[in-house]
Amino acid sequence: MDTDDLSNEAYKAVIIEAEKFNHDLTLQFGVLASSCKNEEEYLKSAKELISEIKDFDVYDLEDMFFGNLPDIEQLNKCLKQIEKNIAEVESIPLAKRHYEF
């Protein structure tokens, strides 16, 4: 799937929230969509990615952010917000989510 296939709610919850922090983080969540078949799988994978990022050491984070290590405390706040946003999206029935297409 592509990020364009996400509901407006899911897109805002993950992609827009990540972009507020750092474009490189947005790329990670954007690429993730290509390996998912639907939004439910994407949100599950996004939560798994968040868990992995939280376990990264400084070297892994530098790689992920292409040598520009962000403020780790702010990164963790962003990841926590994305987790919260995902939980809110998951509480919305699929039929009540909004799509561009």
PDB file of N, CA and C in Angstrom:
ATOM      1  N   MET A   1       0.836  -1.178   0.000  1.00  0.00           N
ATOM      2  CA  MET A   1       0.000   0.000   0.000  1.00  0.00           C
ATOM      3  C   MET A   1       0.878   1.237   0.000  1.00  0.00           C
ATOM      4  N   ASP A   2       0.266   2.368  -0.178  1.00  0.00           N
ATOM      5  CA  ASP A   2       0.965   3.651  -0.177  1.00  0.00           C
ATOM      6  C   ASP A   2       0.364   4.510   0.938  1.00  0.00           C
ATOM      7  N   THR A   3       1.084   5.512   1.368  1.00  0.00           N
ATOM      8  CA  THR A   3       0.539   6.379   2.431  1.00  0.00           C
ATOM      9  C   THR A   3      -0.745   7.071   1.977  1.00  0.00           C
ATOM     10  N   ASP A   4      -0.939   7.224   0.666  1.00  0.00           N
ATOM     11  CA  ASP A   4      -2.181   7.817   0.149  1.00  0.00           C
ATOM     12  C   ASP A   4      -3.388   6.938   0.439  1.00  0.00           C
ATOM     13  N   ASP A   5      -3.161   5.656   0.719  1.00  0.00           N
ATOM     14  CA  ASP A   5      -4.247   4.732   1.013  1.00  0.00           C
ATOM     15  C   ASP A   5      -4.694   4.796   2.471  1.00  0.00           C
ATOM     16  N   LEU A   6      -3.938   5.492   3.304  1.00  0.00           N
ATOM     17  CA  LEU A   6      -4.305   5.624   4.715  1.00  0.00           C
ATOM     18  C   LEU A   6      -5.501   6.555   4.867  1.00  0.00           C
ATOM     19  N   SER A   7      -6.271   6.324   5.893  1.00  0.00           N
ATOM     20  CA  SER A   7      -7.350   7.263   6.206  1.00  0.00           C
ATOM     21  C   SER A   7      -6.727   8.591   6.610  1.00  0.00           C
ATOM     22  N   ASN A   8      -7.507   9.645   6.514  1.00  0.00           N
ATOM     23  CA  ASN A   8      -7.024  10.957   6.946  1.00  0.00           C
ATOM     24  C   ASN A   8      -6.588  10.907   8.404  1.00  0.00           C
ATOM     25  N   GLU A   9      -7.339  10.175   9.205  1.00  0.00           N
ATOM     26  CA  GLU A   9      -7.035  10.073  10.631  1.00  0.00           C
ATOM     27  C   GLU A   9      -5.687   9.402  10.874  1.00  0.00           C
ATOM     28  N   ALA A  10      -5.439   8.299  10.169  1.00  0.00           N
ATOM     29  CA  ALA A  10      -4.171   7.583  10.339  1.00  0.00           C
ATOM     30  C   ALA A  10      -3.002   8.397   9.790  1.00  0.00           C
ATOM     31  N   TYR A  11      -3.207   9.036   8.662  1.00  0.00           N
ATOM     32  CA  TYR A  11      -2.154   9.847   8.060  1.00  0.00           C
ATOM     33  C   TYR A  11      -1.743  10.976   9.000  1.00  0.00           C
ATOM     34  N   LYS A  12      -2.735  11.642   9.553  1.00  0.00           N
ATOM     35  CA  LYS A  12      -2.447  12.744  10.484  1.00  0.00           C
ATOM     36  C   LYS A  12      -1.785  12.214  11.761  1.00  0.00           C
ATOM     37  N   ALA A  13      -2.264  11.085  12.246  1.00  0.00           N
ATOM     38  CA  ALA A  13      -1.767  10.512  13.501  1.00  0.00           C
ATOM     39  C   ALA A  13      -0.296  10.121  13.426  1.00  0.00           C
ATOM     40  N   VAL A  14       0.125   9.620  12.278  1.00  0.00           N
ATOM     41  CA  VAL A  14       1.489   9.097  12.163  1.00  0.00           C
ATOM     42  C   VAL A  14       2.363   9.999  11.294  1.00  0.00           C
ATOM     43  N   ILE A  15       1.998  10.161  10.051  1.00  0.00           N
ATOM     44  CA  ILE A  15       2.857  10.862   9.096  1.00  0.00           C
ATOM     45  C   ILE A  15       2.997  12.341   9.449  1.00  0.00           C
ATOM     46  N   ILE A  16       1.898  13.010   9.671  1.00  0.00           N
ATOM     47  CA  ILE A  16       1.958  14.444   9.993  1.00  0.00           C
ATOM     48  C   ILE A  16       2.643  14.671  11.333  1.00  0.00           C
ATOM     49  N   GLU A  17       2.342  13.825  12.306  1.00  0.00           N
ATOM     50  CA  GLU A  17       2.975  13.964  13.628  1.00  0.00           C
ATOM     51  C   GLU A  17       4.485  13.764  13.521  1.00  0.00           C
ATOM     52  N   ALA A  18       4.922  12.787  12.751  1.00  0.00           N
ATOM     53  CA  ALA A  18       6.354  12.554  12.560  1.00  0.00           C
ATOM     54  C   ALA A  18       6.999  13.740  11.843  1.00  0.00           C
ATOM     55  N   GLU A  19       6.304  14.289  10.863  1.00  0.00           N
ATOM     56  CA  GLU A  19       6.844  15.420  10.100  1.00  0.00           C
ATOM     57  C   GLU A  19       7.021  16.658  10.976  1.00  0.00           C
ATOM     58  N   LYS A  20       6.164  16.824  11.951  1.00  0.00           N
ATOM     59  CA  LYS A  20       6.307  17.949  12.886  1.00  0.00           C
ATOM     60  C   LYS A  20       7.655  17.880  13.602  1.00  0.00           C
ATOM     61  N   PHE A  21       8.136  16.654  13.801  1.00  0.00           N
ATOM     62  CA  PHE A  21       9.398  16.474  14.509  1.00  0.00           C
ATOM     63  C   PHE A  21      10.592  16.542  13.559  1.00  0.00           C
ATOM     64  N   ASN A  22      10.563  15.707  12.513  1.00  0.00           N
ATOM     65  CA  ASN A  22      11.733  15.613  11.651  1.00  0.00           C
ATOM     66  C   ASN A  22      11.366  14.850  10.382  1.00  0.00           C
ATOM     67  N   HIS A  23      11.761  15.385   9.242  1.00  0.00           N
ATOM     68  CA  HIS A  23      11.429  14.750   7.968  1.00  0.00           C
ATOM     69  C   HIS A  23      12.012  13.339   7.857  1.00  0.00           C
ATOM     70  N   ASP A  24      13.181  13.109   8.437  1.00  0.00           N
ATOM     71  CA  ASP A  24      13.783  11.775   8.381  1.00  0.00           C
ATOM     72  C   ASP A  24      12.940  10.742   9.128  1.00  0.00           C
ATOM     73  N   LEU A  25      12.283  11.164  10.180  1.00  0.00           N
ATOM     74  CA  LEU A  25      11.377  10.264  10.894  1.00  0.00           C
ATOM     75  C   LEU A  25      10.159   9.965  10.017  1.00  0.00           C
ATOM     76  N   THR A  26       9.682  10.977   9.334  1.00  0.00           N
ATOM     77  CA  THR A  26       8.552  10.802   8.420  1.00  0.00           C
ATOM     78  C   THR A  26       8.887   9.758   7.351  1.00  0.00           C
ATOM     79  N   LEU A  27      10.100   9.822   6.840  1.00  0.00           N
ATOM     80  CA  LEU A  27      10.519   8.852   5.821  1.00  0.00           C
ATOM     81  C   LEU A  27      10.407   7.423   6.335  1.00  0.00           C
ATOM     82  N   GLN A  28      10.793   7.206   7.582  1.00  0.00           N
ATOM     83  CA  GLN A  28      10.730   5.856   8.152  1.00  0.00           C
ATOM     84  C   GLN A  28       9.299   5.332   8.165  1.00  0.00           C
ATOM     85  N   PHE A  29       8.367   6.178   8.589  1.00  0.00           N
ATOM     86  CA  PHE A  29       6.968   5.757   8.642  1.00  0.00           C
ATOM     87  C   PHE A  29       6.345   5.683   7.251  1.00  0.00           C
ATOM     88  N   GLY A  30       6.822   6.489   6.333  1.00  0.00           N
ATOM     89  CA  GLY A  30       6.318   6.447   4.967  1.00  0.00           C
ATOM     90  C   GLY A  30       6.722   5.178   4.246  1.00  0.00           C
ATOM     91  N   VAL A  31       7.991   4.819   4.355  1.00  0.00           N
ATOM     92  CA  VAL A  31       8.501   3.606   3.710  1.00  0.00           C
ATOM     93  C   VAL A  31       7.806   2.373   4.276  1.00  0.00           C
ATOM     94  N   LEU A  32       7.477   2.424   5.529  1.00  0.00           N
ATOM     95  CA  LEU A  32       6.818   1.304   6.197  1.00  0.00           C
ATOM     96  C   LEU A  32       5.519   0.909   5.485  1.00  0.00           C
ATOM     97  N   ALA A  33       4.817   1.873   4.942  1.00  0.00           N
ATOM     98  CA  ALA A  33       3.531   1.598   4.291  1.00  0.00           C
ATOM     99  C   ALA A  33       3.667   0.634   3.119  1.00  0.00           C
ATOM    100  N   SER A  34       4.792   0.687   2.420  1.00  0.00           N
ATOM    101  CA  SER A  34       4.953  -0.149   1.225  1.00  0.00           C
ATOM    102  C   SER A  34       4.963  -1.646   1.540  1.00  0.00           C
ATOM    103  N   SER A  35       5.250  -1.997   2.768  1.00  0.00           N
ATOM    104  CA  SER A  35       5.275  -3.410   3.137  1.00  0.00           C
ATOM    105  C   SER A  35       3.986  -3.870   3.819  1.00  0.00           C
ATOM    106  N   CYS A  36       2.981  -3.004   3.835  1.00  0.00           N
ATOM    107  CA  CYS A  36       1.714  -3.333   4.495  1.00  0.00           C
ATOM    108  C   CYS A  36       0.600  -3.473   3.465  1.00  0.00           C
ATOM    109  N   LYS A  37      -0.370  -4.356   3.770  1.00  0.00           N
ATOM    110  CA  LYS A  37      -1.457  -4.563   2.823  1.00  0.00           C
ATOM    111  C   LYS A  37      -2.689  -3.720   3.141  1.00  0.00           C
ATOM    112  N   ASN A  38      -2.797  -3.222   4.384  1.00  0.00           N
ATOM    113  CA  ASN A  38      -3.953  -2.391   4.748  1.00  0.00           C
ATOM    114  C   ASN A  38      -3.598  -1.508   5.947  1.00  0.00           C
ATOM    115  N   GLU A  39      -4.527  -0.651   6.303  1.00  0.00           N
ATOM    116  CA  GLU A  39      -4.269   0.303   7.381  1.00  0.00           C
ATOM    117  C   GLU A  39      -4.068  -0.369   8.729  1.00  0.00           C
ATOM    118  N   GLU A  40      -4.814  -1.411   8.989  1.00  0.00           N
ATOM    119  CA  GLU A  40      -4.668  -2.129  10.264  1.00  0.00           C
ATOM    120  C   GLU A  40      -3.246  -2.664  10.412  1.00  0.00           C
ATOM    121  N   GLU A  41      -2.738  -3.269   9.344  1.00  0.00           N
ATOM    122  CA  GLU A  41      -1.378  -3.793   9.371  1.00  0.00           C
ATOM    123  C   GLU A  41      -0.368  -2.644   9.502  1.00  0.00           C
ATOM    124  N   TYR A  42      -0.643  -1.535   8.831  1.00  0.00           N
ATOM    125  CA  TYR A  42       0.251  -0.381   8.906  1.00  0.00           C
ATOM    126  C   TYR A  42       0.347   0.146  10.332  1.00  0.00           C
ATOM    127  N   LEU A  43      -0.777   0.311  10.997  1.00  0.00           N
ATOM    128  CA  LEU A  43      -0.759   0.841  12.363  1.00  0.00           C
ATOM    129  C   LEU A  43      -0.026  -0.111  13.309  1.00  0.00           C
ATOM    130  N   LYS A  44      -0.227  -1.409  13.106  1.00  0.00           N
ATOM    131  CA  LYS A  44       0.494  -2.399  13.916  1.00  0.00           C
ATOM    132  C   LYS A  44       2.005  -2.289  13.662  1.00  0.00           C
ATOM    133  N   SER A  45       2.372  -2.178  12.396  1.00  0.00           N
ATOM    134  CA  SER A  45       3.789  -2.065  12.044  1.00  0.00           C
ATOM    135  C   SER A  45       4.392  -0.762  12.562  1.00  0.00           C
ATOM    136  N   ALA A  46       3.602   0.300  12.549  1.00  0.00           N
ATOM    137  CA  ALA A  46       4.076   1.588  13.064  1.00  0.00           C
ATOM    138  C   ALA A  46       4.374   1.476  14.560  1.00  0.00           C
ATOM    139  N   LYS A  47       3.529   0.777  15.286  1.00  0.00           N
ATOM    140  CA  LYS A  47       3.781   0.578  16.717  1.00  0.00           C
ATOM    141  C   LYS A  47       5.041  -0.250  16.940  1.00  0.00           C
ATOM    142  N   GLU A  48       5.257  -1.247  16.096  1.00  0.00           N
ATOM    143  CA  GLU A  48       6.468  -2.064  16.200  1.00  0.00           C
ATOM    144  C   GLU A  48       7.708  -1.235  15.881  1.00  0.00           C
ATOM    145  N   LEU A  49       7.606  -0.380  14.878  1.00  0.00           N
ATOM    146  CA  LEU A  49       8.727   0.492  14.527  1.00  0.00           C
ATOM    147  C   LEU A  49       9.060   1.430  15.684  1.00  0.00           C
ATOM    148  N   ILE A  50       8.051   1.966  16.317  1.00  0.00           N
ATOM    149  CA  ILE A  50       8.269   2.846  17.471  1.00  0.00           C
ATOM    150  C   ILE A  50       9.025   2.093  18.564  1.00  0.00           C
ATOM    151  N   SER A  51       8.617   0.879  18.822  1.00  0.00           N
ATOM    152  CA  SER A  51       9.284   0.064  19.837  1.00  0.00           C
ATOM    153  C   SER A  51      10.753  -0.162  19.472  1.00  0.00           C
ATOM    154  N   GLU A  52      11.012  -0.445  18.194  1.00  0.00           N
ATOM    155  CA  GLU A  52      12.392  -0.644  17.742  1.00  0.00           C
ATOM    156  C   GLU A  52      13.215   0.634  17.905  1.00  0.00           C
ATOM    157  N   ILE A  53      12.647   1.756  17.497  1.00  0.00           N
ATOM    158  CA  ILE A  53      13.374   3.030  17.589  1.00  0.00           C
ATOM    159  C   ILE A  53      13.726   3.339  19.042  1.00  0.00           C
ATOM    160  N   LYS A  54      12.815   3.054  19.952  1.00  0.00           N
ATOM    161  CA  LYS A  54      13.077   3.311  21.367  1.00  0.00           C
ATOM    162  C   LYS A  54      14.261   2.493  21.882  1.00  0.00           C
ATOM    163  N   ASP A  55      14.528   1.356  21.248  1.00  0.00           N
ATOM    164  CA  ASP A  55      15.636   0.499  21.659  1.00  0.00           C
ATOM    165  C   ASP A  55      16.945   0.820  20.934  1.00  0.00           C
ATOM    166  N   PHE A  56      16.903   1.715  19.963  1.00  0.00           N
ATOM    167  CA  PHE A  56      18.112   2.057  19.209  1.00  0.00           C
ATOM    168  C   PHE A  56      19.139   2.726  20.103  1.00  0.00           C
ATOM    169  N   ASP A  57      20.394   2.443  19.815  1.00  0.00           N
ATOM    170  CA  ASP A  57      21.460   3.172  20.493  1.00  0.00           C
ATOM    171  C   ASP A  57      21.785   4.417  19.656  1.00  0.00           C
ATOM    172  N   VAL A  58      22.722   5.207  20.117  1.00  0.00           N
ATOM    173  CA  VAL A  58      23.065   6.467  19.449  1.00  0.00           C
ATOM    174  C   VAL A  58      23.499   6.227  18.004  1.00  0.00           C
ATOM    175  N   TYR A  59      24.250   5.159  17.770  1.00  0.00           N
ATOM    176  CA  TYR A  59      24.744   4.878  16.417  1.00  0.00           C
ATOM    177  C   TYR A  59      23.597   4.545  15.465  1.00  0.00           C
ATOM    178  N   ASP A  60      22.633   3.752  15.947  1.00  0.00           N
ATOM    179  CA  ASP A  60      21.471   3.422  15.120  1.00  0.00           C
ATOM    180  C   ASP A  60      20.653   4.674  14.813  1.00  0.00           C
ATOM    181  N   LEU A  61      20.501   5.537  15.818  1.00  0.00           N
ATOM    182  CA  LEU A  61      19.747   6.777  15.611  1.00  0.00           C
ATOM    183  C   LEU A  61      20.459   7.695  14.626  1.00  0.00           C
ATOM    184  N   GLU A  62      21.771   7.766  14.731  1.00  0.00           N
ATOM    185  CA  GLU A  62      22.523   8.585  13.773  1.00  0.00           C
ATOM    186  C   GLU A  62      22.324   8.063  12.357  1.00  0.00           C
ATOM    187  N   ASP A  63      22.324   6.753  12.196  1.00  0.00           N
ATOM    188  CA  ASP A  63      22.072   6.178  10.869  1.00  0.00           C
ATOM    189  C   ASP A  63      20.666   6.513  10.385  1.00  0.00           C
ATOM    190  N   MET A  64      19.698   6.336  11.267  1.00  0.00           N
ATOM    191  CA  MET A  64      18.316   6.590  10.878  1.00  0.00           C
ATOM    192  C   MET A  64      18.096   8.050  10.486  1.00  0.00           C
ATOM    193  N   PHE A  65      18.797   8.946  11.160  1.00  0.00           N
ATOM    194  CA  PHE A  65      18.644  10.378  10.902  1.00  0.00           C
ATOM    195  C   PHE A  65      19.783  10.924  10.034  1.00  0.00           C
ATOM    196  N   PHE A  66      20.411  10.024   9.273  1.00  0.00           N
ATOM    197  CA  PHE A  66      21.417  10.395   8.280  1.00  0.00           C
ATOM    198  C   PHE A  66      22.511  11.301   8.852  1.00  0.00           C
ATOM    199  N   GLY A  67      22.984  10.926  10.058  1.00  0.00           N
ATOM    200  CA  GLY A  67      24.096  11.636  10.677  1.00  0.00           C
ATOM    201  C   GLY A  67      23.703  12.860  11.481  1.00  0.00           C
ATOM    202  N   ASN A  68      22.442  13.208  11.501  1.00  0.00           N
ATOM    203  CA  ASN A  68      21.972  14.386  12.234  1.00  0.00           C
ATOM    204  C   ASN A  68      21.154  13.944  13.443  1.00  0.00           C
ATOM    205  N   LEU A  69      21.828  13.547  14.483  1.00  0.00           N
ATOM    206  CA  LEU A  69      21.173  13.034  15.685  1.00  0.00           C
ATOM    207  C   LEU A  69      20.251  14.093  16.284  1.00  0.00           C
ATOM    208  N   PRO A  70      18.958  13.782  16.410  1.00  0.00           N
ATOM    209  CA  PRO A  70      18.033  14.743  17.017  1.00  0.00           C
ATOM    210  C   PRO A  70      18.111  14.694  18.538  1.00  0.00           C
ATOM    211  N   ASP A  71      17.428  15.604  19.171  1.00  0.00           N
ATOM    212  CA  ASP A  71      17.304  15.592  20.623  1.00  0.00           C
ATOM    213  C   ASP A  71      16.519  14.326  20.996  1.00  0.00           C
ATOM    214  N   ILE A  72      17.142  13.427  21.718  1.00  0.00           N
ATOM    215  CA  ILE A  72      16.541  12.127  22.011  1.00  0.00           C
ATOM    216  C   ILE A  72      15.305  12.271  22.900  1.00  0.00           C
ATOM    217  N   GLU A  73      15.334  13.203  23.824  1.00  0.00           N
ATOM    218  CA  GLU A  73      14.158  13.424  24.672  1.00  0.00           C
ATOM    219  C   GLU A  73      12.967  13.876  23.835  1.00  0.00           C
ATOM    220  N   GLN A  74      13.214  14.772  22.888  1.00  0.00           N
ATOM    221  CA  GLN A  74      12.139  15.238  22.013  1.00  0.00           C
ATOM    222  C   GLN A  74      11.660  14.125  21.082  1.00  0.00           C
ATOM    223  N   LEU A  75      12.580  13.296  20.622  1.00  0.00           N
ATOM    224  CA  LEU A  75      12.207  12.150  19.795  1.00  0.00           C
ATOM    225  C   LEU A  75      11.282  11.232  20.572  1.00  0.00           C
ATOM    226  N   ASN A  76      11.631  10.932  21.815  1.00  0.00           N
ATOM    227  CA  ASN A  76      10.794  10.048  22.632  1.00  0.00           C
ATOM    228  C   ASN A  76       9.419  10.653  22.886  1.00  0.00           C
ATOM    229  N   LYS A  77       9.351  11.966  23.058  1.00  0.00           N
ATOM    230  CA  LYS A  77       8.051  12.633  23.219  1.00  0.00           C
ATOM    231  C   LYS A  77       7.213  12.484  21.952  1.00  0.00           C
ATOM    232  N   CYS A  78       7.865  12.647  20.815  1.00  0.00           N
ATOM    233  CA  CYS A  78       7.171  12.502  19.535  1.00  0.00           C
ATOM    234  C   CYS A  78       6.650  11.074  19.361  1.00  0.00           C
ATOM    235  N   LEU A  79       7.490  10.095  19.649  1.00  0.00           N
ATOM    236  CA  LEU A  79       7.082   8.700  19.513  1.00  0.00           C
ATOM    237  C   LEU A  79       5.917   8.371  20.442  1.00  0.00           C
ATOM    238  N   LYS A  80       5.964   8.906  21.643  1.00  0.00           N
ATOM    239  CA  LYS A  80       4.872   8.689  22.592  1.00  0.00           C
ATOM    240  C   LYS A  80       3.569   9.299  22.060  1.00  0.00           C
ATOM    241  N   GLN A  81       3.674  10.480  21.451  1.00  0.00           N
ATOM    242  CA  GLN A  81       2.492  11.123  20.883  1.00  0.00           C
ATOM    243  C   GLN A  81       1.935  10.310  19.716  1.00  0.00           C
ATOM    244  N   ILE A  82       2.809   9.785  18.885  1.00  0.00           N
ATOM    245  CA  ILE A  82       2.353   8.963  17.769  1.00  0.00           C
ATOM    246  C   ILE A  82       1.648   7.709  18.288  1.00  0.00           C
ATOM    247  N   GLU A  83       2.186   7.098  19.327  1.00  0.00           N
ATOM    248  CA  GLU A  83       1.525   5.930  19.934  1.00  0.00           C
ATOM    249  C   GLU A  83       0.129   6.292  20.428  1.00  0.00           C
ATOM    250  N   LYS A  84       0.030   7.437  21.071  1.00  0.00           N
ATOM    251  CA  LYS A  84      -1.273   7.903  21.568  1.00  0.00           C
ATOM    252  C   LYS A  84      -2.225   8.143  20.396  1.00  0.00           C
ATOM    253  N   ASN A  85      -1.716   8.771  19.355  1.00  0.00           N
ATOM    254  CA  ASN A  85      -2.536   9.042  18.176  1.00  0.00           C
ATOM    255  C   ASN A  85      -3.024   7.754  17.522  1.00  0.00           C
ATOM    256  N   ILE A  86      -2.142   6.760  17.446  1.00  0.00           N
ATOM    257  CA  ILE A  86      -2.528   5.472  16.854  1.00  0.00           C
ATOM    258  C   ILE A  86      -3.650   4.837  17.661  1.00  0.00           C
ATOM    259  N   ALA A  87      -3.545   4.879  18.973  1.00  0.00           N
ATOM    260  CA  ALA A  87      -4.602   4.317  19.827  1.00  0.00           C
ATOM    261  C   ALA A  87      -5.938   5.006  19.562  1.00  0.00           C
ATOM    262  N   GLU A  88      -5.889   6.312  19.353  1.00  0.00           N
ATOM    263  CA  GLU A  88      -7.125   7.047  19.056  1.00  0.00           C
ATOM    264  C   GLU A  88      -7.693   6.625  17.705  1.00  0.00           C
ATOM    265  N   VAL A  89      -6.838   6.466  16.707  1.00  0.00           N
ATOM    266  CA  VAL A  89      -7.306   6.033  15.386  1.00  0.00           C
ATOM    267  C   VAL A  89      -7.900   4.629  15.474  1.00  0.00           C
ATOM    268  N   GLU A  90      -7.239   3.749  16.197  1.00  0.00           N
ATOM    269  CA  GLU A  90      -7.736   2.379  16.316  1.00  0.00           C
ATOM    270  C   GLU A  90      -9.096   2.316  17.009  1.00  0.00           C
ATOM    271  N   SER A  91      -9.428   3.327  17.779  1.00  0.00           N
ATOM    272  CA  SER A  91     -10.729   3.346  18.449  1.00  0.00           C
ATOM    273  C   SER A  91     -11.855   3.793  17.508  1.00  0.00           C
ATOM    274  N   ILE A  92     -11.487   4.289  16.338  1.00  0.00           N
ATOM    275  CA  ILE A  92     -12.481   4.722  15.347  1.00  0.00           C
ATOM    276  C   ILE A  92     -12.778   3.540  14.425  1.00  0.00           C
ATOM    277  N   PRO A  93     -14.028   3.136  14.308  1.00  0.00           N
ATOM    278  CA  PRO A  93     -14.348   2.037  13.382  1.00  0.00           C
ATOM    279  C   PRO A  93     -13.921   2.398  11.959  1.00  0.00           C
ATOM    280  N   LEU A  94     -13.475   1.405  11.203  1.00  0.00           N
ATOM    281  CA  LEU A  94     -13.016   1.640   9.830  1.00  0.00           C
ATOM    282  C   LEU A  94     -14.057   2.385   8.999  1.00  0.00           C
ATOM    283  N   ALA A  95     -15.306   2.052   9.171  1.00  0.00           N
ATOM    284  CA  ALA A  95     -16.373   2.674   8.377  1.00  0.00           C
ATOM    285  C   ALA A  95     -16.553   4.161   8.692  1.00  0.00           C
ATOM    286  N   LYS A  96     -16.033   4.604   9.822  1.00  0.00           N
ATOM    287  CA  LYS A  96     -16.183   6.011  10.219  1.00  0.00           C
ATOM    288  C   LYS A  96     -14.935   6.841   9.923  1.00  0.00           C
ATOM    289  N   ARG A  97     -13.894   6.197   9.392  1.00  0.00           N
ATOM    290  CA  ARG A  97     -12.697   6.940   9.022  1.00  0.00           C
ATOM    291  C   ARG A  97     -12.899   7.585   7.662  1.00  0.00           C
ATOM    292  N   HIS A  98     -12.164   8.625   7.413  1.00  0.00           N
ATOM    293  CA  HIS A  98     -12.317   9.416   6.185  1.00  0.00           C
ATOM    294  C   HIS A  98     -11.122   9.203   5.259  1.00  0.00           C
ATOM    295  N   TYR A  99     -11.432   9.113   3.971  1.00  0.00           N
ATOM    296  CA  TYR A  99     -10.403   8.875   2.953  1.00  0.00           C
ATOM    297  C   TYR A  99     -10.484   9.936   1.874  1.00  0.00           C
ATOM    298  N   GLU A 100      -9.338  10.246   1.287  1.00  0.00           N
ATOM    299  CA  GLU A 100      -9.284  11.224   0.206  1.00  0.00           C
ATOM    300  C   GLU A 100      -9.899  10.682  -1.069  1.00  0.00           C
ATOM    301  N   PHE A 101      -9.778   9.352  -1.278  1.00  0.00           N
ATOM    302  CA  PHE A 101     -10.253   8.769  -2.537  1.00  0.00           C
ATOM    303  C   PHE A 101     -11.417   7.858  -2.309  1.00  0.00           C
TER     304      PHE A 101
END
